[in-house]
């Protein structure tokens, strides 16, 4: 498969798989940590009206959705990319960081959560996925693969 096609596939699949992981965690979130009674978490208006009822524990699953979505999306991009693997993994992190910035303007949340989310859930997870990708590929090829 030509390098360009592999690299495009890496980005597309990284975004799709990261988004799928994110959405899966968002969907199962209420079953793990129930939202405050009477708060509709299915739209921004319901969140706005009930945000004052949220406790720190209610932000665990959204943070994990963002962090793990970015991690798995960046890992997929790293593993599939033909070259410049690190750049493609970070590109996925930047795409999701832009989404996080946009969401911080659209969905009301406490400042501490927005700061934590933007600082820790995107680029650090892309970095962690690169470290994991290096280890996964080096264990499968006798250590011949580099991170670049």
Foldseek 3Di string as FASTA:
>chain_A
DDLVVLLVVLLVQLLVQLLVQLVVLVVCLCVVPNAPPPQDPPDQVSQVVCVVVDDPVSCPSNLCSLQVSLLSSLLSSLQRHPPPSLVSSLVSLVVSLVVLVVVCVRHPHDPVSSVCSNVPRGNVSSVVSLVVNQVVVCVVPVNPDDSD
